[in-house]
Amino acid sequence: MEQFSNLTICMIHIKTVLSQGYQKLNKTKINSAHLDAELLLSFILRKSREYILAHPEIKLTKSQISKFNKLISERAKNIPLAYLTKEKEFYGRKFYVNEKVLIPRPETEQTVEEFRNQKSEIRNNSIIIDVGTGSGCIIITLVKEFENQKSKIKNLQFITIDISQNALTVARKNARLHGVDKKIKFLQGDLLTPVLKSLCVMRYALCEIIIVANLPYLTSKQIKNSPSIKHEPKLALAAGIDGLKYYRRFATQVQKLNIQYPNIPISIYCEINPGQSAKMKKIFSFAKSIEIKKDLAGRDRIFIVEL
């Protein structure tokens, strides 16, 4: 530890600094030690990872080394890399993240991909709703992906909901970063509650309702056994004894929405824990059709409902 702290005095080349960073992260059993150290130094220097690997001889300033040391120490405590750099790539775009929102996952990218595959053609007068938006990565990605079709789709609306005002602040920031903040309506509330109220004035205009929901689906035991996620907001992770607390409430609200708008098709795309398929089928037994798609590891991950 002392040897590492003395970097600011005698170890000033990229190669040496990275070597010490690797060692510290390896000691704390960070599996991605090499990659993380390289990405953290890239973040500090505002250079690509490829650049720093190609220029190991470059000397660093004391300020740069001090910042690197600090971030390495934080990463050694299992604080996620994305929270240290304040960004995470999702569907080819960079999103701002902080400790108030869940870090976007590859599994969620697959949910978006499945959505796009099945909904390549959106009807006029449709609404896309993102429930539990967090960083806003899903709804913002969908807005950007459908921008090219805006001339073909009339009156396509985007709504995003989260119970956390802090999460909505992050989502709004990301929407501004991607230039789509004027195209999304942000609502605070419990799951579909604000939508059930706000859609009333649109009874005769609606043609289709599409919902994307990435709700909390982990149990307390799963969270406890996963040190890599212990720094992420519990509100976005924990969902009762079997991890389905919120999906049960969500399903009840979906039924109300269906009753309120009986002649309007409703499609739902959910991300779930692989072991929840059977129970999810029971929870959504009122649906006209249910389809389950697997993730890249071959596990049940995307739950699709049609009403």
C-alpha atoms as a PDB file:
ATOM      1  CA  MET A   1       0.000   0.000   0.000  1.00  0.00           C
ATOM      2  CA  GLU A   2       2.796   2.394   0.901  1.00  0.00           C
ATOM      3  CA  GLN A   3       4.647   1.536  -2.308  1.00  0.00           C
ATOM      4  CA  PHE A   4       1.548   2.411  -4.310  1.00  0.00           C
ATOM      5  CA  SER A   5       1.064   5.745  -2.544  1.00  0.00           C
ATOM      6  CA  ASN A   6       4.636   6.745  -3.405  1.00  0.00           C
ATOM      7  CA  LEU A   7       3.759   6.750  -7.101  1.00  0.00           C
ATOM      8  CA  THR A   8       3.361  10.497  -6.977  1.00  0.00           C
ATOM      9  CA  ILE A   9       7.061  10.820  -6.130  1.00  0.00           C
ATOM     10  CA  CYS A  10       8.961   8.301  -8.223  1.00  0.00           C
ATOM     11  CA  MET A  11       6.691   6.393 -10.593  1.00  0.00           C
ATOM     12  CA  ILE A  12       5.406   8.646 -13.318  1.00  0.00           C
ATOM     13  CA  HIS A  13       5.183   6.621 -16.523  1.00  0.00           C
ATOM     14  CA  ILE A  14       1.897   5.170 -17.766  1.00  0.00           C
ATOM     15  CA  LYS A  15       3.340   1.654 -17.802  1.00  0.00           C
ATOM     16  CA  THR A  16       4.470   1.832 -14.172  1.00  0.00           C
ATOM     17  CA  VAL A  17       1.313   3.484 -12.920  1.00  0.00           C
ATOM     18  CA  LEU A  18      -0.858   0.876 -14.609  1.00  0.00           C
ATOM     19  CA  SER A  19       1.262  -1.950 -13.220  1.00  0.00           C
ATOM     20  CA  GLN A  20       0.760  -0.706  -9.673  1.00  0.00           C
ATOM     21  CA  GLY A  21      -2.955  -0.268 -10.335  1.00  0.00           C
ATOM     22  CA  TYR A  22      -3.237  -3.844 -11.595  1.00  0.00           C
ATOM     23  CA  GLN A  23      -1.508  -5.150  -8.481  1.00  0.00           C
ATOM     24  CA  LYS A  24      -3.764  -3.327  -6.062  1.00  0.00           C
ATOM     25  CA  LEU A  25      -6.943  -4.446  -7.787  1.00  0.00           C
ATOM     26  CA  ASN A  26      -5.702  -8.026  -8.071  1.00  0.00           C
ATOM     27  CA  LYS A  27      -5.048  -8.118  -4.319  1.00  0.00           C
ATOM     28  CA  THR A  28      -8.697  -7.277  -3.699  1.00  0.00           C
ATOM     29  CA  LYS A  29      -9.795  -9.969  -6.191  1.00  0.00           C
ATOM     30  CA  ILE A  30     -11.245  -7.640  -8.802  1.00  0.00           C
ATOM     31  CA  ASN A  31     -11.642 -10.004 -11.760  1.00  0.00           C
ATOM     32  CA  SER A  32     -11.306  -7.275 -14.347  1.00  0.00           C
ATOM     33  CA  ALA A  33      -8.267  -5.655 -12.730  1.00  0.00           C
ATOM     34  CA  HIS A  34      -6.317  -4.964 -15.918  1.00  0.00           C
ATOM     35  CA  LEU A  35      -9.247  -3.619 -17.873  1.00  0.00           C
ATOM     36  CA  ASP A  36     -10.533  -1.484 -14.992  1.00  0.00           C
ATOM     37  CA  ALA A  37      -7.151   0.116 -14.329  1.00  0.00           C
ATOM     38  CA  GLU A  38      -6.760   0.921 -18.016  1.00  0.00           C
ATOM     39  CA  LEU A  39     -10.248   2.383 -18.267  1.00  0.00           C
ATOM     40  CA  LEU A  40      -9.773   4.495 -15.149  1.00  0.00           C
ATOM     41  CA  LEU A  41      -6.530   5.937 -16.476  1.00  0.00           C
ATOM     42  CA  SER A  42      -8.199   6.547 -19.840  1.00  0.00           C
ATOM     43  CA  PHE A  43     -10.944   8.425 -18.026  1.00  0.00           C
ATOM     44  CA  ILE A  44      -8.450  10.623 -16.163  1.00  0.00           C
ATOM     45  CA  LEU A  45      -6.319  11.376 -19.220  1.00  0.00           C
ATOM     46  CA  ARG A  46      -9.346  11.774 -21.514  1.00  0.00           C
ATOM     47  CA  LYS A  47      -7.673   9.428 -23.963  1.00  0.00           C
ATOM     48  CA  SER A  48      -8.794   6.105 -25.398  1.00  0.00           C
ATOM     49  CA  ARG A  49      -7.686   2.848 -23.808  1.00  0.00           C
ATOM     50  CA  GLU A  50      -5.869   2.022 -27.034  1.00  0.00           C
ATOM     51  CA  TYR A  51      -3.919   5.276 -26.754  1.00  0.00           C
ATOM     52  CA  ILE A  52      -2.576   4.653 -23.265  1.00  0.00           C
ATOM     53  CA  LEU A  53      -1.628   1.070 -24.127  1.00  0.00           C
ATOM     54  CA  ALA A  54       0.227   2.305 -27.198  1.00  0.00           C
ATOM     55  CA  HIS A  55       2.108   4.985 -25.234  1.00  0.00           C
ATOM     56  CA  PRO A  56       3.416   3.360 -22.020  1.00  0.00           C
ATOM     57  CA  GLU A  57       6.365   5.775 -21.929  1.00  0.00           C
ATOM     58  CA  ILE A  58       4.304   8.939 -21.403  1.00  0.00           C
ATOM     59  CA  LYS A  59       4.965  10.659 -18.104  1.00  0.00           C
ATOM     60  CA  LEU A  60       2.049  11.668 -15.899  1.00  0.00           C
ATOM     61  CA  THR A  61       1.676  14.693 -13.667  1.00  0.00           C
ATOM     62  CA  LYS A  62       1.375  14.372  -9.903  1.00  0.00           C
ATOM     63  CA  SER A  63      -2.249  15.486 -10.165  1.00  0.00           C
ATOM     64  CA  GLN A  64      -3.076  12.771 -12.691  1.00  0.00           C
ATOM     65  CA  ILE A  65      -1.398  10.095 -10.590  1.00  0.00           C
ATOM     66  CA  SER A  66      -3.165  11.282  -7.451  1.00  0.00           C
ATOM     67  CA  LYS A  67      -6.559  11.076  -9.175  1.00  0.00           C
ATOM     68  CA  PHE A  68      -5.720   7.614 -10.496  1.00  0.00           C
ATOM     69  CA  ASN A  69      -4.662   6.405  -7.037  1.00  0.00           C
ATOM     70  CA  LYS A  70      -7.939   7.630  -5.575  1.00  0.00           C
ATOM     71  CA  LEU A  71     -10.074   5.905  -8.197  1.00  0.00           C
ATOM     72  CA  ILE A  72      -8.117   2.659  -7.887  1.00  0.00           C
ATOM     73  CA  SER A  73      -8.684   2.720  -4.118  1.00  0.00           C
ATOM     74  CA  GLU A  74     -12.411   3.226  -4.664  1.00  0.00           C
ATOM     75  CA  ARG A  75     -12.581   0.448  -7.242  1.00  0.00           C
ATOM     76  CA  ALA A  76     -10.739  -1.840  -4.810  1.00  0.00           C
ATOM     77  CA  LYS A  77     -13.750  -1.407  -2.494  1.00  0.00           C
ATOM     78  CA  ASN A  78     -15.948  -2.894  -5.233  1.00  0.00           C
ATOM     79  CA  ILE A  79     -17.484   0.437  -6.154  1.00  0.00           C
ATOM     80  CA  PRO A  80     -18.665  -0.081  -9.749  1.00  0.00           C
ATOM     81  CA  LEU A  81     -16.490   1.355 -12.477  1.00  0.00           C
ATOM     82  CA  ALA A  82     -19.473   3.177 -13.975  1.00  0.00           C
ATOM     83  CA  TYR A  83     -20.038   5.117 -10.738  1.00  0.00           C
ATOM     84  CA  LEU A  84     -16.413   6.214 -10.734  1.00  0.00           C
ATOM     85  CA  THR A  85     -16.405   7.413 -14.341  1.00  0.00           C
ATOM     86  CA  LYS A  86     -20.050   8.569 -14.169  1.00  0.00           C
ATOM     87  CA  GLU A  87     -20.878   6.924 -17.468  1.00  0.00           C
ATOM     88  CA  LYS A  88     -21.947   3.640 -19.018  1.00  0.00           C
ATOM     89  CA  GLU A  89     -22.420   2.670 -22.632  1.00  0.00           C
ATOM     90  CA  PHE A  90     -25.821   1.310 -23.591  1.00  0.00           C
ATOM     91  CA  TYR A  91     -26.860   0.320 -27.105  1.00  0.00           C
ATOM     92  CA  GLY A  92     -23.892   2.177 -28.551  1.00  0.00           C
ATOM     93  CA  ARG A  93     -24.551   5.408 -26.664  1.00  0.00           C
ATOM     94  CA  LYS A  94     -22.996   6.836 -23.522  1.00  0.00           C
ATOM     95  CA  PHE A  95     -25.233   7.535 -20.543  1.00  0.00           C
ATOM     96  CA  TYR A  96     -24.556   9.445 -17.354  1.00  0.00           C
ATOM     97  CA  VAL A  97     -24.996   7.315 -14.220  1.00  0.00           C
ATOM     98  CA  ASN A  98     -24.561   7.848 -10.503  1.00  0.00           C
ATOM     99  CA  GLU A  99     -25.319   5.914  -7.334  1.00  0.00           C
ATOM    100  CA  LYS A 100     -29.012   6.897  -7.530  1.00  0.00           C
ATOM    101  CA  VAL A 101     -29.661   4.667 -10.544  1.00  0.00           C
ATOM    102  CA  LEU A 102     -29.001   1.094 -11.575  1.00  0.00           C
ATOM    103  CA  ILE A 103     -26.118   0.603 -13.982  1.00  0.00           C
ATOM    104  CA  PRO A 104     -27.446  -0.437 -17.433  1.00  0.00           C
ATOM    105  CA  ARG A 105     -26.836  -4.104 -18.245  1.00  0.00           C
ATOM    106  CA  PRO A 106     -26.304  -6.044 -21.503  1.00  0.00           C
ATOM    107  CA  GLU A 107     -29.469  -8.029 -20.691  1.00  0.00           C
ATOM    108  CA  THR A 108     -31.462  -4.820 -20.892  1.00  0.00           C
ATOM    109  CA  GLU A 109     -29.943  -4.099 -24.297  1.00  0.00           C
ATOM    110  CA  GLN A 110     -31.381  -7.438 -25.400  1.00  0.00           C
ATOM    111  CA  THR A 111     -34.822  -6.349 -24.207  1.00  0.00           C
ATOM    112  CA  VAL A 112     -34.548  -3.242 -26.366  1.00  0.00           C
ATOM    113  CA  GLU A 113     -33.338  -5.339 -29.299  1.00  0.00           C
ATOM    114  CA  GLU A 114     -36.267  -7.734 -28.955  1.00  0.00           C
ATOM    115  CA  PHE A 115     -38.646  -4.778 -28.763  1.00  0.00           C
ATOM    116  CA  ARG A 116     -37.242  -3.373 -31.997  1.00  0.00           C
ATOM    117  CA  ASN A 117     -37.409  -6.749 -33.746  1.00  0.00           C
ATOM    118  CA  GLN A 118     -41.053  -7.288 -32.862  1.00  0.00           C
ATOM    119  CA  LYS A 119     -42.182  -3.677 -33.174  1.00  0.00           C
ATOM    120  CA  SER A 120     -40.370  -2.642 -36.319  1.00  0.00           C
ATOM    121  CA  GLU A 121     -43.590  -0.946 -37.391  1.00  0.00           C
ATOM    122  CA  ILE A 122     -45.315   1.228 -34.811  1.00  0.00           C
ATOM    123  CA  ARG A 123     -48.905   2.341 -35.363  1.00  0.00           C
ATOM    124  CA  ASN A 124     -49.933   5.968 -35.525  1.00  0.00           C
ATOM    125  CA  ASN A 125     -51.270   7.394 -32.238  1.00  0.00           C
ATOM    126  CA  SER A 126     -49.283   4.935 -30.133  1.00  0.00           C
ATOM    127  CA  ILE A 127     -47.672   5.441 -26.736  1.00  0.00           C
ATOM    128  CA  ILE A 128     -44.456   3.831 -25.545  1.00  0.00           C
ATOM    129  CA  ILE A 129     -44.157   3.736 -21.746  1.00  0.00           C
ATOM    130  CA  ASP A 130     -40.974   2.971 -19.816  1.00  0.00           C
ATOM    131  CA  VAL A 131     -41.781   1.864 -16.253  1.00  0.00           C
ATOM    132  CA  GLY A 132     -38.955   2.121 -13.702  1.00  0.00           C
ATOM    133  CA  THR A 133     -36.806   4.210 -16.016  1.00  0.00           C
ATOM    134  CA  GLY A 134     -33.735   4.702 -13.790  1.00  0.00           C
ATOM    135  CA  SER A 135     -31.080   6.329 -15.960  1.00  0.00           C
ATOM    136  CA  GLY A 136     -33.558   6.624 -18.827  1.00  0.00           C
ATOM    137  CA  CYS A 137     -31.411   4.445 -21.077  1.00  0.00           C
ATOM    138  CA  ILE A 138     -34.354   2.414 -22.430  1.00  0.00           C
ATOM    139  CA  ILE A 139     -36.762   5.206 -23.333  1.00  0.00           C
ATOM    140  CA  ILE A 140     -34.002   7.446 -24.700  1.00  0.00           C
ATOM    141  CA  THR A 141     -32.665   4.604 -26.837  1.00  0.00           C
ATOM    142  CA  LEU A 142     -36.141   3.931 -28.222  1.00  0.00           C
ATOM    143  CA  VAL A 143     -36.684   7.603 -29.029  1.00  0.00           C
ATOM    144  CA  LYS A 144     -33.356   7.714 -30.867  1.00  0.00           C
ATOM    145  CA  GLU A 145     -34.010   4.448 -32.697  1.00  0.00           C
ATOM    146  CA  PHE A 146     -37.442   5.575 -33.892  1.00  0.00           C
ATOM    147  CA  GLU A 147     -36.298   9.061 -34.913  1.00  0.00           C
ATOM    148  CA  ASN A 148     -35.649   7.820 -38.438  1.00  0.00           C
ATOM    149  CA  GLN A 149     -39.264   6.676 -38.696  1.00  0.00           C
ATOM    150  CA  LYS A 150     -40.876   9.846 -37.363  1.00  0.00           C
ATOM    151  CA  SER A 151     -42.026  10.836 -40.842  1.00  0.00           C
ATOM    152  CA  LYS A 152     -43.895   7.518 -41.108  1.00  0.00           C
ATOM    153  CA  ILE A 153     -45.381   7.476 -37.599  1.00  0.00           C
ATOM    154  CA  LYS A 154     -47.828  10.175 -36.562  1.00  0.00           C
ATOM    155  CA  ASN A 155     -48.435  11.130 -32.936  1.00  0.00           C
ATOM    156  CA  LEU A 156     -45.980   8.661 -31.400  1.00  0.00           C
ATOM    157  CA  GLN A 157     -45.589   9.572 -27.727  1.00  0.00           C
ATOM    158  CA  PHE A 158     -43.005   8.560 -25.142  1.00  0.00           C
ATOM    159  CA  ILE A 159     -43.665   8.452 -21.390  1.00  0.00           C
ATOM    160  CA  THR A 160     -41.228   7.440 -18.680  1.00  0.00           C
ATOM    161  CA  ILE A 161     -41.988   6.737 -15.020  1.00  0.00           C
ATOM    162  CA  ASP A 162     -39.991   6.240 -11.854  1.00  0.00           C
ATOM    163  CA  ILE A 163     -40.903   6.429  -8.181  1.00  0.00           C
ATOM    164  CA  SER A 164     -37.540   8.031  -7.431  1.00  0.00           C
ATOM    165  CA  GLN A 165     -37.188  11.738  -8.115  1.00  0.00           C
ATOM    166  CA  ASN A 166     -33.411  11.288  -8.048  1.00  0.00           C
ATOM    167  CA  ALA A 167     -33.659   8.732 -10.836  1.00  0.00           C
ATOM    168  CA  LEU A 168     -35.855  11.035 -12.897  1.00  0.00           C
ATOM    169  CA  THR A 169     -33.257  13.781 -12.488  1.00  0.00           C
ATOM    170  CA  VAL A 170     -30.649  11.463 -14.005  1.00  0.00           C
ATOM    171  CA  ALA A 171     -33.040  10.398 -16.783  1.00  0.00           C
ATOM    172  CA  ARG A 172     -33.772  14.024 -17.660  1.00  0.00           C
ATOM    173  CA  LYS A 173     -30.067  14.788 -17.760  1.00  0.00           C
ATOM    174  CA  ASN A 174     -29.472  11.911 -20.156  1.00  0.00           C
ATOM    175  CA  ALA A 175     -32.408  12.984 -22.296  1.00  0.00           C
ATOM    176  CA  ARG A 176     -30.864  16.441 -22.600  1.00  0.00           C
ATOM    177  CA  LEU A 177     -27.461  14.932 -23.415  1.00  0.00           C
ATOM    178  CA  HIS A 178     -29.038  13.020 -26.295  1.00  0.00           C
ATOM    179  CA  GLY A 179     -31.243  15.887 -27.419  1.00  0.00           C
ATOM    180  CA  VAL A 180     -34.585  14.158 -26.783  1.00  0.00           C
ATOM    181  CA  ASP A 181     -35.782  15.789 -23.544  1.00  0.00           C
ATOM    182  CA  LYS A 182     -38.596  17.596 -25.375  1.00  0.00           C
ATOM    183  CA  LYS A 183     -39.881  14.316 -26.801  1.00  0.00           C
ATOM    184  CA  ILE A 184     -40.383  12.485 -23.492  1.00  0.00           C
ATOM    185  CA  LYS A 185     -42.929  13.066 -20.742  1.00  0.00           C
ATOM    186  CA  PHE A 186     -41.421  12.363 -17.308  1.00  0.00           C
ATOM    187  CA  LEU A 187     -43.771  11.177 -14.563  1.00  0.00           C
ATOM    188  CA  GLN A 188     -43.056  10.372 -10.932  1.00  0.00           C
ATOM    189  CA  GLY A 189     -45.079   7.652  -9.278  1.00  0.00           C
ATOM    190  CA  ASP A 190     -45.588   4.015  -8.368  1.00  0.00           C
ATOM    191  CA  LEU A 191     -45.340   1.888 -11.528  1.00  0.00           C
ATOM    192  CA  LEU A 192     -48.311   2.647 -13.832  1.00  0.00           C
ATOM    193  CA  THR A 193     -50.238   4.781 -11.326  1.00  0.00           C
ATOM    194  CA  PRO A 194     -49.513   8.155 -12.980  1.00  0.00           C
ATOM    195  CA  VAL A 195     -50.276   6.710 -16.411  1.00  0.00           C
ATOM    196  CA  LEU A 196     -53.657   5.361 -15.335  1.00  0.00           C
ATOM    197  CA  LYS A 197     -54.546   8.931 -14.437  1.00  0.00           C
ATOM    198  CA  SER A 198     -52.955  10.826 -17.307  1.00  0.00           C
ATOM    199  CA  LEU A 199     -54.191   8.691 -20.213  1.00  0.00           C
ATOM    200  CA  CYS A 200     -57.845   9.451 -19.544  1.00  0.00           C
ATOM    201  CA  VAL A 201     -57.940  12.447 -21.885  1.00  0.00           C
ATOM    202  CA  MET A 202     -56.592  10.327 -24.750  1.00  0.00           C
ATOM    203  CA  ARG A 203     -59.284   7.638 -24.803  1.00  0.00           C
ATOM    204  CA  TYR A 204     -60.329   8.260 -28.416  1.00  0.00           C
ATOM    205  CA  ALA A 205     -56.887   8.952 -29.860  1.00  0.00           C
ATOM    206  CA  LEU A 206     -54.960   5.927 -28.681  1.00  0.00           C
ATOM    207  CA  CYS A 207     -54.241   3.129 -31.122  1.00  0.00           C
ATOM    208  CA  GLU A 208     -51.670   1.045 -29.216  1.00  0.00           C
ATOM    209  CA  ILE A 209     -49.983   0.996 -25.805  1.00  0.00           C
ATOM    210  CA  ILE A 210     -46.485  -0.478 -25.558  1.00  0.00           C
ATOM    211  CA  ILE A 211     -44.857  -0.876 -22.158  1.00  0.00           C
ATOM    212  CA  VAL A 212     -41.230  -1.674 -21.361  1.00  0.00           C
ATOM    213  CA  ALA A 213     -40.617  -2.563 -17.708  1.00  0.00           C
ATOM    214  CA  ASN A 214     -37.277  -3.321 -16.100  1.00  0.00           C
ATOM    215  CA  LEU A 215     -38.511  -3.594 -12.526  1.00  0.00           C
ATOM    216  CA  PRO A 216     -36.538  -4.785  -9.482  1.00  0.00           C
ATOM    217  CA  TYR A 217     -36.516  -8.599  -9.482  1.00  0.00           C
ATOM    218  CA  LEU A 218     -33.906  -9.747  -6.973  1.00  0.00           C
ATOM    219  CA  THR A 219     -34.368 -11.221  -3.502  1.00  0.00           C
ATOM    220  CA  SER A 220     -32.471  -9.987  -0.442  1.00  0.00           C
ATOM    221  CA  LYS A 221     -30.463 -13.218  -0.467  1.00  0.00           C
ATOM    222  CA  GLN A 222     -29.405 -12.704  -4.074  1.00  0.00           C
ATOM    223  CA  ILE A 223     -28.296  -9.170  -3.324  1.00  0.00           C
ATOM    224  CA  LYS A 224     -26.383 -10.293  -0.244  1.00  0.00           C
ATOM    225  CA  ASN A 225     -24.563 -12.945  -2.267  1.00  0.00           C
ATOM    226  CA  SER A 226     -23.590 -10.486  -4.993  1.00  0.00           C
ATOM    227  CA  PRO A 227     -20.965  -8.050  -3.655  1.00  0.00           C
ATOM    228  CA  SER A 228     -20.612  -6.469  -7.086  1.00  0.00           C
ATOM    229  CA  ILE A 229     -24.070  -4.868  -6.787  1.00  0.00           C
ATOM    230  CA  LYS A 230     -24.032  -3.884  -3.121  1.00  0.00           C
ATOM    231  CA  HIS A 231     -23.272  -0.258  -4.035  1.00  0.00           C
ATOM    232  CA  GLU A 232     -26.243   0.053  -6.371  1.00  0.00           C
ATOM    233  CA  PRO A 233     -29.603   1.427  -5.123  1.00  0.00           C
ATOM    234  CA  LYS A 234     -31.595  -1.256  -3.295  1.00  0.00           C
ATOM    235  CA  LEU A 235     -34.795   0.407  -4.492  1.00  0.00           C
ATOM    236  CA  ALA A 236     -33.860  -0.622  -8.040  1.00  0.00           C
ATOM    237  CA  LEU A 237     -32.907  -4.193  -7.086  1.00  0.00           C
ATOM    238  CA  ALA A 238     -34.839  -5.721  -4.181  1.00  0.00           C
ATOM    239  CA  ALA A 239     -38.350  -7.054  -4.775  1.00  0.00           C
ATOM    240  CA  GLY A 240     -39.493  -9.124  -1.814  1.00  0.00           C
ATOM    241  CA  ILE A 241     -39.135 -12.768  -0.863  1.00  0.00           C
ATOM    242  CA  ASP A 242     -39.301 -14.181  -4.395  1.00  0.00           C
ATOM    243  CA  GLY A 243     -38.293 -11.063  -6.331  1.00  0.00           C
ATOM    244  CA  LEU A 244     -41.737 -10.591  -7.849  1.00  0.00           C
ATOM    245  CA  LYS A 245     -43.307  -8.084  -5.478  1.00  0.00           C
ATOM    246  CA  TYR A 246     -43.369  -5.290  -8.038  1.00  0.00           C
ATOM    247  CA  TYR A 247     -44.339  -7.423 -11.006  1.00  0.00           C
ATOM    248  CA  ARG A 248     -47.443  -8.581  -9.119  1.00  0.00           C
ATOM    249  CA  ARG A 249     -48.466  -4.992  -8.462  1.00  0.00           C
ATOM    250  CA  PHE A 250     -47.584  -4.060 -12.019  1.00  0.00           C
ATOM    251  CA  ALA A 251     -49.754  -6.894 -13.406  1.00  0.00           C
ATOM    252  CA  THR A 252     -52.729  -5.679 -11.359  1.00  0.00           C
ATOM    253  CA  GLN A 253     -52.275  -2.196 -12.813  1.00  0.00           C
ATOM    254  CA  VAL A 254     -51.986  -3.611 -16.334  1.00  0.00           C
ATOM    255  CA  GLN A 255     -55.353  -5.319 -15.850  1.00  0.00           C
ATOM    256  CA  LYS A 256     -56.867  -1.991 -14.832  1.00  0.00           C
ATOM    257  CA  LEU A 257     -55.372  -0.364 -17.897  1.00  0.00           C
ATOM    258  CA  ASN A 258     -56.821  -3.102 -20.071  1.00  0.00           C
ATOM    259  CA  ILE A 259     -60.262  -2.626 -18.530  1.00  0.00           C
ATOM    260  CA  GLN A 260     -60.022   1.128 -18.975  1.00  0.00           C
ATOM    261  CA  TYR A 261     -59.059   0.769 -22.646  1.00  0.00           C
ATOM    262  CA  PRO A 262     -60.564  -2.603 -23.692  1.00  0.00           C
ATOM    263  CA  ASN A 263     -60.246  -2.056 -27.442  1.00  0.00           C
ATOM    264  CA  ILE A 264     -56.636  -0.898 -27.446  1.00  0.00           C
ATOM    265  CA  PRO A 265     -53.855  -3.500 -27.906  1.00  0.00           C
ATOM    266  CA  ILE A 266     -51.317  -3.552 -25.080  1.00  0.00           C
ATOM    267  CA  SER A 267     -47.840  -5.040 -25.492  1.00  0.00           C
ATOM    268  CA  ILE A 268     -45.421  -5.484 -22.592  1.00  0.00           C
ATOM    269  CA  TYR A 269     -41.698  -6.229 -22.615  1.00  0.00           C
ATOM    270  CA  CYS A 270     -40.181  -7.134 -19.219  1.00  0.00           C
ATOM    271  CA  GLU A 271     -36.750  -8.137 -18.025  1.00  0.00           C
ATOM    272  CA  ILE A 272     -36.874 -10.947 -15.460  1.00  0.00           C
ATOM    273  CA  ASN A 273     -34.675 -13.226 -13.377  1.00  0.00           C
ATOM    274  CA  PRO A 274     -34.197 -16.551 -15.246  1.00  0.00           C
ATOM    275  CA  GLY A 275     -35.819 -18.528 -12.437  1.00  0.00           C
ATOM    276  CA  GLN A 276     -39.044 -16.514 -12.453  1.00  0.00           C
ATOM    277  CA  SER A 277     -40.597 -17.687 -15.735  1.00  0.00           C
ATOM    278  CA  ALA A 278     -43.187 -20.065 -14.263  1.00  0.00           C
ATOM    279  CA  LYS A 279     -44.400 -17.606 -11.632  1.00  0.00           C
ATOM    280  CA  MET A 280     -44.504 -14.763 -14.145  1.00  0.00           C
ATOM    281  CA  LYS A 281     -46.762 -16.859 -16.362  1.00  0.00           C
ATOM    282  CA  LYS A 282     -49.172 -17.271 -13.453  1.00  0.00           C
ATOM    283  CA  ILE A 283     -49.011 -13.571 -12.586  1.00  0.00           C
ATOM    284  CA  PHE A 284     -49.900 -12.652 -16.179  1.00  0.00           C
ATOM    285  CA  SER A 285     -52.321 -15.538 -16.748  1.00  0.00           C
ATOM    286  CA  PHE A 286     -54.936 -13.012 -17.920  1.00  0.00           C
ATOM    287  CA  ALA A 287     -52.858 -12.193 -21.019  1.00  0.00           C
ATOM    288  CA  LYS A 288     -53.849 -13.258 -24.531  1.00  0.00           C
ATOM    289  CA  SER A 289     -50.337 -14.489 -25.211  1.00  0.00           C
ATOM    290  CA  ILE A 290     -47.020 -14.867 -23.381  1.00  0.00           C
ATOM    291  CA  GLU A 291     -43.614 -15.373 -24.935  1.00  0.00           C
ATOM    292  CA  ILE A 292     -40.240 -15.829 -23.226  1.00  0.00           C
ATOM    293  CA  LYS A 293     -36.939 -15.055 -24.911  1.00  0.00           C
ATOM    294  CA  LYS A 294     -33.535 -16.187 -23.697  1.00  0.00           C
ATOM    295  CA  ASP A 295     -30.455 -14.038 -23.107  1.00  0.00           C
ATOM    296  CA  LEU A 296     -27.053 -14.657 -24.680  1.00  0.00           C
ATOM    297  CA  ALA A 297     -26.281 -17.206 -21.946  1.00  0.00           C
ATOM    298  CA  GLY A 298     -29.363 -19.237 -22.862  1.00  0.00           C
ATOM    299  CA  ARG A 299     -31.370 -18.227 -19.780  1.00  0.00           C
ATOM    300  CA  ASP A 300     -34.987 -17.019 -19.706  1.00  0.00           C
ATOM    301  CA  ARG A 301     -34.686 -13.232 -19.577  1.00  0.00           C
ATOM    302  CA  ILE A 302     -37.229 -11.353 -21.677  1.00  0.00           C
ATOM    303  CA  PHE A 303     -40.905 -11.760 -20.840  1.00  0.00           C
ATOM    304  CA  ILE A 304     -43.309 -10.565 -23.547  1.00  0.00           C
ATOM    305  CA  VAL A 305     -47.038 -10.152 -22.992  1.00  0.00           C
ATOM    306  CA  GLU A 306     -49.815  -9.290 -25.446  1.00  0.00           C
ATOM    307  CA  LEU A 307     -53.286  -8.185 -24.332  1.00  0.00           C
END
